Amino acid sequence: MGLITLTANCGIADDWFARAGRRIAWTETPQRGDVVFFDFGGGHAKRSHVGLVERVNANGSLTTIEGNTSVTSQDNGGAVMRRTRWRYQVTSYGRPAYASDAEREAYMQLAAEQIGTKEVPSGSNKVKYNTWYYGRAVSGAAYPWCQVFVCWVFLSGAKANGKTTTEGGSGKVTVTLDTLQQGSQGAQVKTLQRILYARLGGIAVDGIFGPATRAKVIRVQRQLGLCDDGIVGANTWTALLTQMV
């Protein structure tokens, strides 16, 4: 089972944890590294925002790391920030299947390193999360990116532990990765292009394996010491998924 599913939708992510048997009720005490879904109205039903639990405080509040959060207030906004949240605001928690405490800490350290990164293009210092996911610069409420940020943390942190995201229920999930080359099209090409964008930038995520994608594949194959044939087979997939940057 993967640690999280790749999606920009909080509800889809929360449902994935439920199917995997790793959804924790809001009444339970969370753990460091849990994914926390919020209903700021206190109804414990909506999944309107998401973050990562950094710690549980003595007064019962949570310290979280969140994307799409205001720099100056507790509201949504354009930055990755550390926030204090209350348990009545929580809908549920998702508990990733970390292999060890060290693995969990690697992800949390990566998340903490992102604090202060701004995503809204106006006055921003970076726009990496949405451009990583969508393959182009986007902004505004039409592209909420709190869940995108959480996915970015887990996929980028795969370098430390060799994991990647998978869709599925509880138990072991086997994902078949196709051999891709120029002319290939589809969802797996988009996945490849997102990984290439995270490493190298400057590539459209359009699901079409054209000359530009082949050139990026060759470049990354050379970086990783692989045969630079521009074909994404077992060796290239393995290297890309275990050496994420």
Protein backbone atom coordinates (compact mmCIF):
# COMPACT_ATOMS: atom_id res chain seq x y z
CA MET A 1 0.00 0.00 0.00
CA GLY A 2 1.23 3.49 -0.74
CA LEU A 3 1.39 6.25 1.82
CA ILE A 4 -1.17 8.46 0.06
CA THR A 5 -3.01 8.70 -3.24
CA LEU A 6 -2.03 11.33 -5.80
CA THR A 7 -4.91 13.84 -5.95
CA ALA A 8 -5.66 17.53 -5.54
CA ASN A 9 -8.99 16.75 -3.85
CA CYS A 10 -9.18 16.49 -0.04
CA GLY A 11 -12.30 14.33 -0.16
CA ILE A 12 -10.71 11.80 -2.50
CA ALA A 13 -7.66 11.59 -0.24
CA ASP A 14 -9.78 11.14 2.90
CA ASP A 15 -11.86 8.43 1.22
CA TRP A 16 -8.66 6.66 0.12
CA PHE A 17 -7.50 6.47 3.74
CA ALA A 18 -10.92 5.08 4.69
CA ARG A 19 -10.71 2.33 2.05
CA ALA A 20 -7.19 1.52 3.19
CA GLY A 21 -8.38 1.10 6.78
CA ARG A 22 -6.21 4.01 7.91
CA ARG A 23 -8.80 6.73 8.52
CA ILE A 24 -8.80 7.86 12.16
CA ALA A 25 -11.85 9.53 13.75
CA TRP A 26 -11.56 13.16 14.83
CA THR A 27 -12.29 12.09 18.41
CA GLU A 28 -9.06 10.07 18.53
CA THR A 29 -5.67 11.49 19.47
CA PRO A 30 -3.59 12.03 16.34
CA GLN A 31 0.07 11.22 15.89
CA ARG A 32 2.93 13.19 14.41
CA GLY A 33 2.90 12.67 10.66
CA ASP A 34 -0.85 12.11 10.36
CA VAL A 35 -2.68 13.83 7.51
CA VAL A 36 -5.43 15.97 9.02
CA PHE A 37 -8.62 16.97 7.20
CA PHE A 38 -10.55 20.02 8.40
CA ASP A 39 -14.15 21.21 8.65
CA PHE A 40 -13.72 24.69 10.07
CA GLY A 41 -17.46 24.93 10.73
CA GLY A 42 -17.10 22.26 13.40
CA GLY A 43 -19.46 19.77 11.78
CA HIS A 44 -16.77 17.09 11.27
CA ALA A 45 -18.20 16.35 7.82
CA LYS A 46 -16.61 18.59 5.20
CA ARG A 47 -13.09 18.06 3.87
CA SER A 48 -12.33 21.68 3.04
CA HIS A 49 -8.63 21.84 3.97
CA VAL A 50 -5.77 19.51 4.83
CA GLY A 51 -2.37 19.57 6.50
CA LEU A 52 0.16 17.45 8.36
CA VAL A 53 0.16 17.04 12.14
CA GLU A 54 3.49 18.23 13.50
CA ARG A 55 2.63 17.80 17.18
CA VAL A 56 -0.19 17.57 19.69
CA ASN A 57 0.04 20.34 22.30
CA ALA A 58 -0.60 20.13 26.04
CA ASN A 59 -3.76 22.26 25.70
CA GLY A 60 -5.23 19.83 23.17
CA SER A 61 -4.54 21.95 20.11
CA LEU A 62 -2.59 20.74 17.10
CA THR A 63 0.45 22.31 15.48
CA THR A 64 0.20 21.61 11.76
CA ILE A 65 2.07 22.31 8.53
CA GLU A 66 -0.27 23.32 5.72
CA GLY A 67 -0.18 24.53 2.16
CA ASN A 68 -2.61 27.08 0.71
CA THR A 69 -2.54 28.98 4.01
CA SER A 70 -2.42 32.70 4.74
CA VAL A 71 0.87 34.22 5.85
CA THR A 72 -0.84 36.54 8.33
CA SER A 73 -3.96 34.73 9.56
CA GLN A 74 -5.56 31.34 10.10
CA ASP A 75 -7.38 31.55 6.76
CA ASN A 76 -6.62 29.96 3.43
CA GLY A 77 -4.05 31.78 1.33
CA GLY A 78 -0.91 31.44 -0.71
CA ALA A 79 1.85 29.94 1.43
CA VAL A 80 3.08 26.92 3.33
CA MET A 81 2.76 27.81 7.00
CA ARG A 82 2.83 26.34 10.50
CA ARG A 83 -0.58 26.76 12.13
CA THR A 84 -2.35 26.07 15.43
CA ARG A 85 -5.65 24.24 14.98
CA TRP A 86 -8.28 22.91 17.39
CA ARG A 87 -9.74 19.44 17.52
CA TYR A 88 -13.31 20.67 16.96
CA GLN A 89 -12.15 21.82 13.49
CA VAL A 90 -11.04 18.31 12.48
CA THR A 91 -13.06 15.99 10.24
CA SER A 92 -10.70 13.03 10.38
CA TYR A 93 -7.07 11.95 10.20
CA GLY A 94 -5.32 9.77 7.65
CA ARG A 95 -2.47 7.69 9.04
CA PRO A 96 0.14 6.88 6.38
CA ALA A 97 1.69 3.42 6.71
CA TYR A 98 5.17 4.63 7.59
CA ALA A 99 7.68 1.80 7.68
CA SER A 100 9.53 3.35 10.63
CA ASP A 101 9.81 6.44 12.80
CA ALA A 102 12.84 7.46 10.75
CA GLU A 103 10.79 7.37 7.56
CA ARG A 104 8.07 9.50 9.14
CA GLU A 105 10.66 12.03 10.34
CA ALA A 106 12.13 12.32 6.86
CA TYR A 107 8.73 13.41 5.52
CA MET A 108 8.09 15.79 8.39
CA GLN A 109 11.50 17.39 8.01
CA LEU A 110 10.84 17.94 4.31
CA ALA A 111 7.45 19.51 5.10
CA ALA A 112 9.00 21.83 7.71
CA GLU A 113 11.64 22.95 5.21
CA GLN A 114 8.83 24.25 2.95
CA ILE A 115 7.42 26.68 5.55
CA GLY A 116 7.34 30.19 4.12
CA THR A 117 7.20 29.10 0.49
CA LYS A 118 4.62 31.22 -1.34
CA GLU A 119 2.58 29.80 -4.18
CA VAL A 120 0.42 32.66 -5.48
CA PRO A 121 2.32 34.10 -8.47
CA SER A 122 1.78 37.74 -7.43
CA GLY A 123 4.73 38.49 -5.16
CA SER A 124 5.66 34.84 -4.88
CA ASN A 125 9.09 33.33 -4.45
CA LYS A 126 8.08 29.95 -5.93
CA VAL A 127 5.13 28.28 -7.63
CA LYS A 128 6.44 24.75 -7.50
CA TYR A 129 3.53 22.79 -6.03
CA ASN A 130 0.80 23.61 -8.52
CA THR A 131 3.16 23.65 -11.48
CA TRP A 132 4.45 20.24 -10.36
CA TYR A 133 0.92 18.82 -10.23
CA TYR A 134 -0.78 20.59 -13.13
CA GLY A 135 2.27 21.04 -15.33
CA ARG A 136 1.75 24.80 -15.64
CA ALA A 137 1.61 27.89 -13.46
CA VAL A 138 -1.83 28.34 -11.90
CA SER A 139 -3.24 30.60 -9.21
CA GLY A 140 -6.29 31.59 -7.27
CA ALA A 141 -9.19 29.82 -5.61
CA ALA A 142 -9.87 27.75 -8.73
CA TYR A 143 -6.72 25.79 -7.96
CA PRO A 144 -6.69 25.03 -4.22
CA TRP A 145 -3.41 23.34 -3.49
CA CYS A 146 -3.44 22.26 0.14
CA GLN A 147 -3.82 18.59 -0.88
CA VAL A 148 -1.36 19.06 -3.74
CA PHE A 149 1.22 20.20 -1.17
CA VAL A 150 0.68 17.09 0.96
CA CYS A 151 1.12 14.87 -2.12
CA TRP A 152 4.25 16.80 -3.09
CA VAL A 153 5.76 16.12 0.33
CA PHE A 154 5.18 12.38 0.07
CA LEU A 155 6.32 11.97 -3.52
CA SER A 156 9.37 14.19 -3.07
CA GLY A 157 10.22 12.37 0.14
CA ALA A 158 10.28 9.05 -1.73
CA LYS A 159 14.01 9.57 -2.22
CA ALA A 160 14.51 8.79 1.47
CA ASN A 161 12.55 5.55 1.54
CA GLY A 162 11.79 4.22 -1.92
CA LYS A 163 8.00 4.52 -1.66
CA THR A 164 5.54 6.05 -4.06
CA THR A 165 1.80 6.69 -4.00
CA THR A 166 -0.70 4.06 -5.11
CA GLU A 167 -4.47 3.95 -5.34
CA GLY A 168 -6.16 1.04 -3.57
CA GLY A 169 -7.63 -0.41 -0.43
CA SER A 170 -6.02 -2.16 2.50
CA GLY A 171 -3.35 -4.76 1.99
CA LYS A 172 -0.64 -5.03 -0.63
CA VAL A 173 -1.23 -3.23 -3.91
CA THR A 174 0.63 -4.16 -7.08
CA VAL A 175 0.90 -1.50 -9.75
CA THR A 176 1.88 -2.47 -13.30
CA LEU A 177 4.01 0.19 -14.97
CA ASP A 178 4.06 0.14 -18.75
CA THR A 179 7.20 0.57 -20.81
CA LEU A 180 6.90 4.06 -22.25
CA GLN A 181 8.59 5.57 -25.28
CA GLN A 182 8.02 8.24 -27.87
CA GLY A 183 4.48 7.87 -29.14
CA SER A 184 3.05 6.54 -25.85
CA GLN A 185 0.04 8.35 -24.39
CA GLY A 186 -2.10 8.22 -21.27
CA ALA A 187 -2.13 8.51 -17.48
CA GLN A 188 1.24 6.84 -16.93
CA VAL A 189 2.86 9.29 -19.31
CA LYS A 190 1.41 12.10 -17.18
CA THR A 191 2.87 10.47 -14.07
CA LEU A 192 6.24 10.25 -15.79
CA GLN A 193 6.02 13.88 -16.87
CA ARG A 194 5.19 15.04 -13.33
CA ILE A 195 8.27 13.22 -12.03
CA LEU A 196 10.40 14.73 -14.79
CA TYR A 197 9.00 18.18 -14.00
CA ALA A 198 9.88 17.76 -10.32
CA ARG A 199 13.47 16.92 -11.29
CA LEU A 200 14.12 19.13 -14.29
CA GLY A 201 11.22 21.54 -14.86
CA GLY A 202 10.24 22.81 -18.28
CA ILE A 203 7.94 20.03 -19.44
CA ALA A 204 4.22 19.97 -20.19
CA VAL A 205 2.11 17.41 -18.34
CA ASP A 206 -0.14 16.50 -21.25
CA GLY A 207 0.03 12.70 -21.32
CA ILE A 208 1.77 12.67 -24.71
CA PHE A 209 5.29 11.20 -24.93
CA GLY A 210 6.72 13.47 -27.61
CA PRO A 211 10.25 14.59 -28.48
CA ALA A 212 10.41 17.01 -25.52
CA THR A 213 9.54 14.26 -23.04
CA ARG A 214 12.06 11.91 -24.68
CA ALA A 215 14.77 14.56 -24.34
CA LYS A 216 14.02 14.91 -20.62
CA VAL A 217 14.06 11.14 -20.18
CA ILE A 218 17.47 10.91 -21.84
CA ARG A 219 18.77 13.73 -19.65
CA VAL A 220 17.61 12.09 -16.43
CA GLN A 221 18.85 8.67 -17.55
CA ARG A 222 22.31 10.17 -17.94
CA GLN A 223 22.05 11.78 -14.50
CA LEU A 224 21.15 8.42 -12.98
CA GLY A 225 23.81 6.45 -14.83
CA LEU A 226 21.33 4.50 -16.96
CA CYS A 227 21.26 3.57 -20.62
CA ASP A 228 20.21 6.82 -22.31
CA ASP A 229 17.88 5.31 -24.90
CA GLY A 230 14.87 7.51 -24.08
CA ILE A 231 12.77 4.45 -23.21
CA VAL A 232 11.19 4.20 -19.74
CA GLY A 233 11.37 0.54 -18.82
CA ALA A 234 11.82 -1.27 -15.53
CA ASN A 235 15.26 0.17 -14.73
CA THR A 236 14.29 3.77 -15.47
CA TRP A 237 10.97 3.52 -13.59
CA THR A 238 12.72 2.05 -10.55
CA ALA A 239 15.38 4.75 -10.53
CA LEU A 240 12.84 7.56 -10.96
CA LEU A 241 10.54 6.30 -8.20
CA THR A 242 13.31 5.63 -5.69
CA GLN A 243 15.45 8.68 -6.38
CA MET A 244 12.85 11.45 -6.37
CA VAL A 245 14.14 14.94 -5.71
